[in-house]
């Protein structure tokens, strides 16, 4: 019988491999493609770096997103500095090594790979017992939730945003 930790790590790897496979061959044109007007995307800033338009606020009406925005979002939550502490692990040095968002498809794929490596390192350090523990007061209103629930949240994000990214690729091919 496998442990919950092992099952979740295998699910994480499976979701990651599926996303990585679906993004193979991504072009810059496709990365920045706006399927509808007024998409959230990644844009060049005055200093030449790239930045995501940012998350939608709770009172903002829904806006469609580009692959650029979606992939920057996935890379961002996989390398978040909170992931380590919320799972009872240290913050990997590579989690903080982030300057802007990817300005090309190749940069996005590299950022995704690096970010998944950060997430996997953090999550691999957990155990069934540590996942059963509460996140702790540093998580504010989520402090009483289990670390397992937080890991499931990250996996849900990876799975559903990965599916959205795959769908955007399907739409691009069918346009």
N, C-alpha and C. Protein backbone atom coordinates (compact mmCIF):
# COMPACT_ATOMS: atom_id res chain seq x y z
N UNK A 1 0.84 -1.18 0.00
CA UNK A 1 0.00 0.00 0.00
C UNK A 1 0.89 1.24 0.00
N UNK A 2 0.59 2.19 -0.89
CA UNK A 2 1.38 3.41 -0.94
C UNK A 2 0.85 4.43 0.06
N UNK A 3 1.69 5.36 0.40
CA UNK A 3 1.30 6.42 1.33
C UNK A 3 0.59 7.55 0.57
N UNK A 4 -0.11 8.37 1.32
CA UNK A 4 -0.74 9.55 0.73
C UNK A 4 0.32 10.42 0.08
N UNK A 5 1.44 10.60 0.76
CA UNK A 5 2.53 11.41 0.22
C UNK A 5 2.99 10.87 -1.13
N UNK A 6 3.20 9.58 -1.21
CA UNK A 6 3.64 8.96 -2.47
C UNK A 6 2.59 9.15 -3.55
N UNK A 7 1.32 8.93 -3.22
CA UNK A 7 0.25 9.13 -4.19
C UNK A 7 0.22 10.57 -4.71
N UNK A 8 0.35 11.54 -3.81
CA UNK A 8 0.30 12.94 -4.22
C UNK A 8 1.53 13.33 -5.03
N UNK A 9 2.68 12.80 -4.67
CA UNK A 9 3.89 13.08 -5.44
C UNK A 9 3.77 12.49 -6.85
N UNK A 10 3.23 11.29 -6.96
CA UNK A 10 3.01 10.68 -8.28
C UNK A 10 1.99 11.49 -9.09
N UNK A 11 0.93 11.96 -8.45
CA UNK A 11 -0.06 12.78 -9.15
C UNK A 11 0.59 14.09 -9.63
N UNK A 12 1.39 14.70 -8.78
CA UNK A 12 2.08 15.93 -9.14
C UNK A 12 2.97 15.70 -10.36
N UNK A 13 3.76 14.65 -10.33
CA UNK A 13 4.64 14.35 -11.47
C UNK A 13 3.84 14.07 -12.74
N UNK A 14 2.74 13.37 -12.61
CA UNK A 14 1.90 13.06 -13.76
C UNK A 14 1.32 14.34 -14.36
N UNK A 15 0.77 15.21 -13.51
CA UNK A 15 0.19 16.46 -13.99
C UNK A 15 1.26 17.33 -14.65
N UNK A 16 2.45 17.36 -14.05
CA UNK A 16 3.55 18.13 -14.62
C UNK A 16 3.95 17.57 -15.99
N UNK A 17 4.14 16.26 -16.07
CA UNK A 17 4.57 15.65 -17.33
C UNK A 17 3.53 15.87 -18.43
N UNK A 18 2.27 15.80 -18.07
CA UNK A 18 1.20 16.04 -19.05
C UNK A 18 1.26 17.48 -19.56
N UNK A 19 1.45 18.45 -18.66
CA UNK A 19 1.56 19.84 -19.07
C UNK A 19 2.80 20.05 -19.93
N UNK A 20 3.93 19.55 -19.49
CA UNK A 20 5.18 19.73 -20.24
C UNK A 20 5.04 19.14 -21.65
N UNK A 21 4.44 17.97 -21.74
CA UNK A 21 4.24 17.34 -23.05
C UNK A 21 3.34 18.20 -23.94
N UNK A 22 2.24 18.71 -23.36
CA UNK A 22 1.30 19.52 -24.15
C UNK A 22 1.91 20.85 -24.60
N UNK A 23 2.94 21.34 -23.92
CA UNK A 23 3.54 22.62 -24.29
C UNK A 23 4.73 22.45 -25.24
N UNK A 24 5.12 21.23 -25.54
CA UNK A 24 6.23 20.99 -26.46
C UNK A 24 5.97 21.68 -27.79
N UNK A 25 6.97 22.40 -28.29
CA UNK A 25 6.86 23.06 -29.58
C UNK A 25 6.16 24.41 -29.55
N UNK A 26 5.90 24.95 -28.38
CA UNK A 26 5.21 26.24 -28.25
C UNK A 26 6.02 27.34 -28.94
N UNK A 27 5.36 28.11 -29.80
CA UNK A 27 6.02 29.22 -30.50
C UNK A 27 5.71 30.54 -29.79
N UNK A 28 6.52 31.55 -30.08
CA UNK A 28 6.26 32.88 -29.52
C UNK A 28 4.93 33.43 -30.00
N UNK A 29 4.59 33.20 -31.27
CA UNK A 29 3.31 33.69 -31.80
C UNK A 29 2.15 33.09 -31.00
N UNK A 30 2.22 31.81 -30.75
CA UNK A 30 1.17 31.13 -30.00
C UNK A 30 1.17 31.59 -28.54
N UNK A 31 2.35 31.75 -27.97
CA UNK A 31 2.51 32.17 -26.58
C UNK A 31 1.78 33.50 -26.32
N UNK A 32 1.90 34.44 -27.25
CA UNK A 32 1.30 35.76 -27.08
C UNK A 32 -0.05 35.92 -27.77
N UNK A 33 -0.55 34.88 -28.42
CA UNK A 33 -1.81 34.95 -29.15
C UNK A 33 -2.94 35.38 -28.24
N UNK A 34 -3.73 36.34 -28.69
CA UNK A 34 -4.90 36.81 -27.95
C UNK A 34 -6.16 36.33 -28.67
N UNK A 35 -6.79 35.29 -28.14
CA UNK A 35 -7.96 34.72 -28.82
C UNK A 35 -9.17 35.64 -28.83
N UNK A 36 -9.23 36.59 -27.91
CA UNK A 36 -10.30 37.58 -27.86
C UNK A 36 -9.68 38.91 -27.47
N UNK A 37 -10.42 39.97 -27.63
CA UNK A 37 -9.93 41.30 -27.26
C UNK A 37 -9.78 41.42 -25.75
N UNK A 38 -8.83 42.25 -25.34
CA UNK A 38 -8.66 42.63 -23.93
C UNK A 38 -8.26 41.45 -23.03
N UNK A 39 -7.38 40.60 -23.51
CA UNK A 39 -6.88 39.47 -22.71
C UNK A 39 -5.90 39.96 -21.64
N UNK A 40 -5.87 39.26 -20.54
CA UNK A 40 -4.75 39.40 -19.61
C UNK A 40 -3.58 38.69 -20.28
N UNK A 41 -2.40 39.29 -20.23
CA UNK A 41 -1.25 38.68 -20.88
C UNK A 41 0.03 39.09 -20.15
N UNK A 42 1.16 38.82 -20.76
CA UNK A 42 2.47 39.25 -20.27
C UNK A 42 2.93 40.33 -21.25
N UNK A 43 3.35 41.47 -20.71
CA UNK A 43 3.72 42.60 -21.55
C UNK A 43 5.13 43.10 -21.23
N UNK A 44 5.78 43.64 -22.26
CA UNK A 44 7.09 44.26 -22.06
C UNK A 44 6.89 45.55 -21.25
N UNK A 45 7.78 45.76 -20.26
CA UNK A 45 7.73 46.96 -19.43
C UNK A 45 8.73 47.98 -19.96
N UNK A 46 8.73 49.16 -19.38
CA UNK A 46 9.62 50.24 -19.82
C UNK A 46 11.09 49.85 -19.69
N UNK A 47 11.43 49.01 -18.72
CA UNK A 47 12.83 48.62 -18.55
C UNK A 47 13.23 47.42 -19.43
N UNK A 48 12.31 46.96 -20.28
CA UNK A 48 12.62 45.86 -21.19
C UNK A 48 12.28 44.48 -20.66
N UNK A 49 11.96 44.37 -19.37
CA UNK A 49 11.55 43.08 -18.82
C UNK A 49 10.09 42.83 -19.17
N UNK A 50 9.58 41.69 -18.79
CA UNK A 50 8.18 41.35 -19.06
C UNK A 50 7.46 41.14 -17.73
N UNK A 51 6.22 41.57 -17.68
CA UNK A 51 5.39 41.42 -16.48
C UNK A 51 3.99 40.99 -16.87
N UNK A 52 3.45 40.11 -16.05
CA UNK A 52 2.06 39.69 -16.20
C UNK A 52 1.15 40.85 -15.83
N UNK A 53 -0.02 40.88 -16.46
CA UNK A 53 -1.02 41.89 -16.11
C UNK A 53 -1.49 41.73 -14.67
N UNK A 54 -1.18 40.61 -14.06
CA UNK A 54 -1.55 40.40 -12.67
C UNK A 54 -2.84 39.63 -12.54
N UNK A 55 -3.14 39.18 -11.34
CA UNK A 55 -4.37 38.41 -11.13
C UNK A 55 -5.59 39.30 -11.22
N UNK A 56 -6.70 38.69 -11.51
CA UNK A 56 -7.96 39.42 -11.51
C UNK A 56 -8.38 39.64 -10.07
N UNK A 57 -8.86 40.82 -9.80
CA UNK A 57 -9.34 41.12 -8.47
C UNK A 57 -10.69 40.47 -8.22
N UNK A 58 -11.09 40.36 -6.96
CA UNK A 58 -12.36 39.69 -6.62
C UNK A 58 -13.58 40.37 -7.21
N UNK A 59 -13.50 41.67 -7.46
CA UNK A 59 -14.66 42.39 -8.01
C UNK A 59 -14.52 42.68 -9.50
N UNK A 60 -13.45 42.17 -10.11
CA UNK A 60 -13.22 42.39 -11.53
C UNK A 60 -13.98 41.35 -12.34
N UNK A 61 -14.58 41.79 -13.43
CA UNK A 61 -15.28 40.83 -14.29
C UNK A 61 -14.25 39.93 -14.97
N UNK A 62 -14.69 38.74 -15.35
CA UNK A 62 -13.80 37.76 -15.96
C UNK A 62 -13.13 38.33 -17.20
N UNK A 63 -11.84 38.07 -17.33
CA UNK A 63 -11.11 38.41 -18.54
C UNK A 63 -10.39 37.16 -19.02
N UNK A 64 -10.41 36.94 -20.29
CA UNK A 64 -9.72 35.81 -20.90
C UNK A 64 -8.22 36.01 -20.74
N UNK A 65 -7.47 34.93 -20.73
CA UNK A 65 -6.02 35.02 -20.59
C UNK A 65 -5.32 34.37 -21.77
N UNK A 66 -4.13 34.87 -22.05
CA UNK A 66 -3.29 34.27 -23.08
C UNK A 66 -2.50 33.11 -22.47
N UNK A 67 -1.87 32.33 -23.33
CA UNK A 67 -0.96 31.29 -22.83
C UNK A 67 0.17 31.93 -22.03
N UNK A 68 0.64 33.09 -22.46
CA UNK A 68 1.71 33.78 -21.73
C UNK A 68 1.29 34.03 -20.29
N UNK A 69 0.11 34.58 -20.11
CA UNK A 69 -0.37 34.86 -18.75
C UNK A 69 -0.53 33.57 -17.96
N UNK A 70 -1.16 32.59 -18.58
CA UNK A 70 -1.46 31.32 -17.90
C UNK A 70 -0.16 30.63 -17.47
N UNK A 71 0.82 30.55 -18.37
CA UNK A 71 2.07 29.85 -18.05
C UNK A 71 2.88 30.62 -17.00
N UNK A 72 2.85 31.96 -17.06
CA UNK A 72 3.52 32.76 -16.02
C UNK A 72 2.86 32.51 -14.66
N UNK A 73 1.55 32.38 -14.66
CA UNK A 73 0.81 32.10 -13.42
C UNK A 73 1.20 30.74 -12.85
N UNK A 74 1.26 29.73 -13.70
CA UNK A 74 1.62 28.38 -13.24
C UNK A 74 3.03 28.39 -12.67
N UNK A 75 3.97 28.98 -13.41
CA UNK A 75 5.35 29.04 -12.92
C UNK A 75 5.41 29.79 -11.59
N UNK A 76 4.64 30.85 -11.47
CA UNK A 76 4.65 31.64 -10.25
C UNK A 76 4.18 30.89 -9.03
N UNK A 77 3.05 30.18 -9.12
CA UNK A 77 2.57 29.51 -7.92
C UNK A 77 3.39 28.27 -7.58
N UNK A 78 4.06 27.68 -8.55
CA UNK A 78 4.89 26.52 -8.24
C UNK A 78 6.16 26.91 -7.48
N UNK A 79 6.64 28.12 -7.67
CA UNK A 79 7.88 28.55 -7.01
C UNK A 79 7.64 29.52 -5.86
N UNK A 80 6.38 29.74 -5.49
CA UNK A 80 6.09 30.71 -4.43
C UNK A 80 6.90 30.41 -3.17
N UNK A 81 7.40 31.47 -2.57
CA UNK A 81 8.20 31.31 -1.36
C UNK A 81 7.39 30.73 -0.22
N UNK A 82 6.08 30.92 -0.20
CA UNK A 82 5.26 30.38 0.90
C UNK A 82 5.18 28.86 0.85
N UNK A 83 5.39 28.24 -0.31
CA UNK A 83 5.20 26.79 -0.42
C UNK A 83 6.02 26.02 0.60
N UNK A 84 7.29 26.37 0.75
CA UNK A 84 8.12 25.67 1.73
C UNK A 84 7.59 25.82 3.14
N UNK A 85 7.49 27.04 3.66
CA UNK A 85 7.00 27.21 5.02
C UNK A 85 5.61 26.62 5.25
N UNK A 86 4.71 26.76 4.29
CA UNK A 86 3.37 26.22 4.48
C UNK A 86 3.36 24.70 4.51
N UNK A 87 4.40 24.08 3.95
CA UNK A 87 4.52 22.62 4.00
C UNK A 87 5.55 22.16 5.03
N UNK A 88 6.00 23.08 5.90
CA UNK A 88 6.95 22.73 6.95
C UNK A 88 8.35 22.49 6.41
N UNK A 89 8.67 23.10 5.28
CA UNK A 89 9.96 22.94 4.63
C UNK A 89 10.64 24.30 4.49
N UNK A 90 11.96 24.30 4.29
CA UNK A 90 12.62 25.59 4.04
C UNK A 90 12.26 26.12 2.64
N UNK A 91 12.52 27.39 2.46
CA UNK A 91 12.34 28.00 1.14
C UNK A 91 13.60 27.69 0.32
N UNK A 92 13.47 26.98 -0.79
CA UNK A 92 14.65 26.73 -1.61
C UNK A 92 15.22 28.04 -2.15
N UNK A 93 16.55 28.13 -2.25
CA UNK A 93 17.18 29.34 -2.77
C UNK A 93 16.63 29.69 -4.15
N UNK A 94 16.35 28.69 -4.95
CA UNK A 94 15.88 28.94 -6.32
C UNK A 94 14.48 29.51 -6.37
N UNK A 95 13.74 29.48 -5.27
CA UNK A 95 12.38 30.02 -5.27
C UNK A 95 12.40 31.53 -5.43
N UNK A 96 13.39 32.18 -4.88
CA UNK A 96 13.45 33.64 -4.92
C UNK A 96 14.12 34.15 -6.19
N UNK A 97 14.79 33.31 -6.94
CA UNK A 97 15.51 33.73 -8.15
C UNK A 97 14.53 33.95 -9.28
N UNK A 98 13.86 35.11 -9.26
CA UNK A 98 12.83 35.41 -10.25
C UNK A 98 12.88 36.89 -10.58
N UNK A 99 13.09 37.18 -11.84
CA UNK A 99 13.11 38.58 -12.28
C UNK A 99 12.18 38.73 -13.47
N UNK A 100 10.97 39.15 -13.21
CA UNK A 100 10.02 39.34 -14.29
C UNK A 100 9.38 38.04 -14.73
N UNK A 101 8.57 38.14 -15.75
CA UNK A 101 7.90 36.97 -16.32
C UNK A 101 8.53 36.66 -17.67
N UNK A 102 8.33 35.43 -18.14
CA UNK A 102 8.97 35.03 -19.40
C UNK A 102 8.50 35.87 -20.59
N UNK A 103 9.45 36.33 -21.39
CA UNK A 103 9.15 37.15 -22.55
C UNK A 103 9.13 36.39 -23.85
N UNK A 104 9.24 35.07 -23.78
CA UNK A 104 9.17 34.24 -24.98
C UNK A 104 8.69 32.85 -24.58
N UNK A 105 8.29 32.09 -25.58
CA UNK A 105 7.83 30.73 -25.32
C UNK A 105 8.96 29.90 -24.72
N UNK A 106 10.17 30.03 -25.26
CA UNK A 106 11.30 29.25 -24.73
C UNK A 106 11.57 29.60 -23.27
N UNK A 107 11.52 30.89 -22.95
CA UNK A 107 11.72 31.31 -21.55
C UNK A 107 10.61 30.77 -20.66
N UNK A 108 9.39 30.75 -21.17
CA UNK A 108 8.26 30.23 -20.38
C UNK A 108 8.44 28.75 -20.08
N UNK A 109 8.85 27.99 -21.08
CA UNK A 109 9.04 26.55 -20.86
C UNK A 109 10.17 26.30 -19.87
N UNK A 110 11.24 27.08 -19.97
CA UNK A 110 12.35 26.95 -19.01
C UNK A 110 11.90 27.35 -17.60
N UNK A 111 11.12 28.42 -17.50
CA UNK A 111 10.61 28.86 -16.20
C UNK A 111 9.70 27.81 -15.58
N UNK A 112 8.85 27.20 -16.40
CA UNK A 112 7.98 26.14 -15.90
C UNK A 112 8.80 24.97 -15.36
N UNK A 113 9.80 24.57 -16.11
CA UNK A 113 10.64 23.44 -15.68
C UNK A 113 11.34 23.76 -14.35
N UNK A 114 11.93 24.94 -14.27
CA UNK A 114 12.60 25.35 -13.04
C UNK A 114 11.61 25.42 -11.88
N UNK A 115 10.47 26.02 -12.13
CA UNK A 115 9.47 26.17 -11.06
C UNK A 115 8.93 24.83 -10.60
N UNK A 116 8.72 23.91 -11.54
CA UNK A 116 8.27 22.59 -11.11
C UNK A 116 9.35 21.91 -10.26
N UNK A 117 10.60 22.10 -10.62
CA UNK A 117 11.70 21.56 -9.81
C UNK A 117 11.69 22.10 -8.39
N UNK A 118 11.39 23.40 -8.25
CA UNK A 118 11.29 24.01 -6.92
C UNK A 118 10.14 23.36 -6.15
N UNK A 119 8.97 23.28 -6.78
CA UNK A 119 7.81 22.67 -6.12
C UNK A 119 8.11 21.23 -5.72
N UNK A 120 8.69 20.46 -6.63
CA UNK A 120 8.91 19.05 -6.37
C UNK A 120 9.90 18.86 -5.21
N UNK A 121 10.93 19.70 -5.16
CA UNK A 121 11.89 19.62 -4.07
C UNK A 121 11.21 19.86 -2.73
N UNK A 122 10.38 20.91 -2.68
CA UNK A 122 9.67 21.22 -1.45
C UNK A 122 8.74 20.08 -1.08
N UNK A 123 7.91 19.65 -2.03
CA UNK A 123 6.92 18.63 -1.71
C UNK A 123 7.56 17.28 -1.39
N UNK A 124 8.62 16.93 -2.07
CA UNK A 124 9.28 15.64 -1.83
C UNK A 124 9.82 15.55 -0.40
N UNK A 125 10.08 16.70 0.23
CA UNK A 125 10.59 16.70 1.60
C UNK A 125 9.53 16.46 2.66
N UNK A 126 8.28 16.36 2.26
CA UNK A 126 7.21 16.14 3.23
C UNK A 126 7.00 14.65 3.47
N UNK A 127 6.25 14.35 4.50
CA UNK A 127 5.87 12.97 4.82
C UNK A 127 4.38 12.93 5.12
N UNK A 128 3.83 11.74 5.23
CA UNK A 128 2.42 11.64 5.61
C UNK A 128 2.16 12.37 6.93
N UNK A 129 3.05 12.18 7.90
CA UNK A 129 2.86 12.83 9.20
C UNK A 129 2.94 14.35 9.09
N UNK A 130 3.93 14.85 8.34
CA UNK A 130 4.05 16.31 8.23
C UNK A 130 2.89 16.90 7.45
N UNK A 131 2.35 16.18 6.47
CA UNK A 131 1.20 16.67 5.71
C UNK A 131 -0.07 16.73 6.55
N UNK A 132 -0.14 15.92 7.58
CA UNK A 132 -1.32 15.91 8.45
C UNK A 132 -1.31 17.08 9.43
N UNK A 133 -0.17 17.72 9.63
CA UNK A 133 -0.05 18.82 10.57
C UNK A 133 -0.71 20.08 10.02
N UNK A 134 -1.15 20.98 10.92
CA UNK A 134 -1.69 22.25 10.44
C UNK A 134 -0.59 23.11 9.81
N UNK A 135 -0.98 23.97 8.90
CA UNK A 135 -0.02 24.85 8.23
C UNK A 135 0.66 25.75 9.25
N UNK A 136 -0.10 26.30 10.16
CA UNK A 136 0.46 27.16 11.21
C UNK A 136 0.06 28.61 11.04
N UNK A 137 0.32 29.37 12.09
CA UNK A 137 -0.15 30.76 12.14
C UNK A 137 0.43 31.64 11.04
N UNK A 138 1.59 31.28 10.48
CA UNK A 138 2.17 32.09 9.39
C UNK A 138 1.29 32.07 8.14
N UNK A 139 0.29 31.19 8.08
CA UNK A 139 -0.63 31.13 6.94
C UNK A 139 -1.89 31.94 7.20
N UNK A 140 -1.90 32.74 8.25
CA UNK A 140 -3.05 33.60 8.52
C UNK A 140 -4.34 32.81 8.66
N UNK A 141 -5.37 33.18 7.91
CA UNK A 141 -6.67 32.51 8.07
C UNK A 141 -6.66 31.04 7.64
N UNK A 142 -5.60 30.62 6.97
CA UNK A 142 -5.50 29.22 6.54
C UNK A 142 -4.66 28.38 7.51
N UNK A 143 -4.23 28.97 8.60
CA UNK A 143 -3.32 28.32 9.53
C UNK A 143 -3.80 27.01 10.11
N UNK A 144 -5.10 26.86 10.33
CA UNK A 144 -5.63 25.63 10.92
C UNK A 144 -5.80 24.51 9.88
N UNK A 145 -5.73 24.87 8.60
CA UNK A 145 -5.86 23.85 7.55
C UNK A 145 -4.63 22.95 7.55
N UNK A 146 -4.80 21.74 7.09
CA UNK A 146 -3.66 20.82 7.03
C UNK A 146 -2.73 21.18 5.88
N UNK A 147 -1.48 20.81 6.04
CA UNK A 147 -0.52 20.97 4.96
C UNK A 147 -0.96 20.15 3.75
N UNK A 148 -1.58 19.03 3.99
CA UNK A 148 -2.10 18.20 2.89
C UNK A 148 -3.11 18.98 2.07
N UNK A 149 -3.99 19.75 2.73
CA UNK A 149 -4.98 20.53 2.00
C UNK A 149 -4.29 21.59 1.14
N UNK A 150 -3.20 22.16 1.64
CA UNK A 150 -2.46 23.13 0.84
C UNK A 150 -1.80 22.46 -0.36
N UNK A 151 -1.21 21.29 -0.15
CA UNK A 151 -0.61 20.55 -1.27
C UNK A 151 -1.67 20.22 -2.31
N UNK A 152 -2.85 19.82 -1.86
CA UNK A 152 -3.95 19.53 -2.80
C UNK A 152 -4.37 20.80 -3.55
N UNK A 153 -4.33 21.93 -2.88
CA UNK A 153 -4.65 23.20 -3.55
C UNK A 153 -3.65 23.47 -4.68
N UNK A 154 -2.36 23.31 -4.40
CA UNK A 154 -1.34 23.54 -5.44
C UNK A 154 -1.53 22.56 -6.59
N UNK A 155 -1.81 21.31 -6.27
CA UNK A 155 -2.03 20.31 -7.33
C UNK A 155 -3.28 20.64 -8.14
N UNK A 156 -4.33 21.10 -7.49
CA UNK A 156 -5.53 21.51 -8.21
C UNK A 156 -5.20 22.66 -9.17
N UNK A 157 -4.42 23.62 -8.70
CA UNK A 157 -4.00 24.73 -9.56
C UNK A 157 -3.21 24.22 -10.76
N UNK A 158 -2.25 23.33 -10.52
CA UNK A 158 -1.43 22.78 -11.60
C UNK A 158 -2.30 22.04 -12.61
N UNK A 159 -3.22 21.24 -12.13
CA UNK A 159 -4.06 20.44 -13.02
C UNK A 159 -5.03 21.32 -13.81
N UNK A 160 -5.76 22.18 -13.13
CA UNK A 160 -6.78 22.93 -13.89
C UNK A 160 -6.17 24.02 -14.76
N UNK A 161 -5.12 24.69 -14.30
CA UNK A 161 -4.49 25.69 -15.17
C UNK A 161 -3.71 25.02 -16.31
N UNK A 162 -3.17 23.85 -16.05
CA UNK A 162 -2.52 23.09 -17.13
C UNK A 162 -3.52 22.70 -18.20
N UNK A 163 -4.73 22.31 -17.78
CA UNK A 163 -5.78 21.96 -18.74
C UNK A 163 -6.20 23.19 -19.54
N UNK A 164 -6.29 24.35 -18.88
CA UNK A 164 -6.63 25.58 -19.59
C UNK A 164 -5.57 25.92 -20.63
N UNK A 165 -4.30 25.76 -20.26
CA UNK A 165 -3.21 26.03 -21.20
C UNK A 165 -3.30 25.08 -22.40
N UNK A 166 -3.58 23.82 -22.14
CA UNK A 166 -3.71 22.84 -23.22
C UNK A 166 -4.88 23.21 -24.14
N UNK A 167 -5.98 23.66 -23.55
CA UNK A 167 -7.12 24.07 -24.36
C UNK A 167 -6.78 25.27 -25.23
N UNK A 168 -6.02 26.23 -24.68
CA UNK A 168 -5.60 27.37 -25.50
C UNK A 168 -4.78 26.91 -26.70
N UNK A 169 -3.94 25.91 -26.51
CA UNK A 169 -3.18 25.37 -27.65
C UNK A 169 -4.12 24.75 -28.67
N UNK A 170 -5.14 24.03 -28.20
CA UNK A 170 -6.11 23.43 -29.12
C UNK A 170 -6.85 24.50 -29.91
N UNK A 171 -7.24 25.57 -29.23
CA UNK A 171 -7.94 26.67 -29.90
C UNK A 171 -7.04 27.36 -30.92
N UNK A 172 -5.78 27.54 -30.57
CA UNK A 172 -4.84 28.17 -31.49
C UNK A 172 -4.71 27.36 -32.77
N UNK A 173 -4.59 26.06 -32.63
CA UNK A 173 -4.46 25.19 -33.81
C UNK A 173 -5.73 25.20 -34.66
N UNK A 174 -6.88 25.38 -34.03
CA UNK A 174 -8.16 25.31 -34.74
C UNK A 174 -8.61 26.67 -35.29
N UNK A 175 -7.89 27.71 -35.04
CA UNK A 175 -8.35 29.06 -35.45
C UNK A 175 -8.42 29.23 -36.94
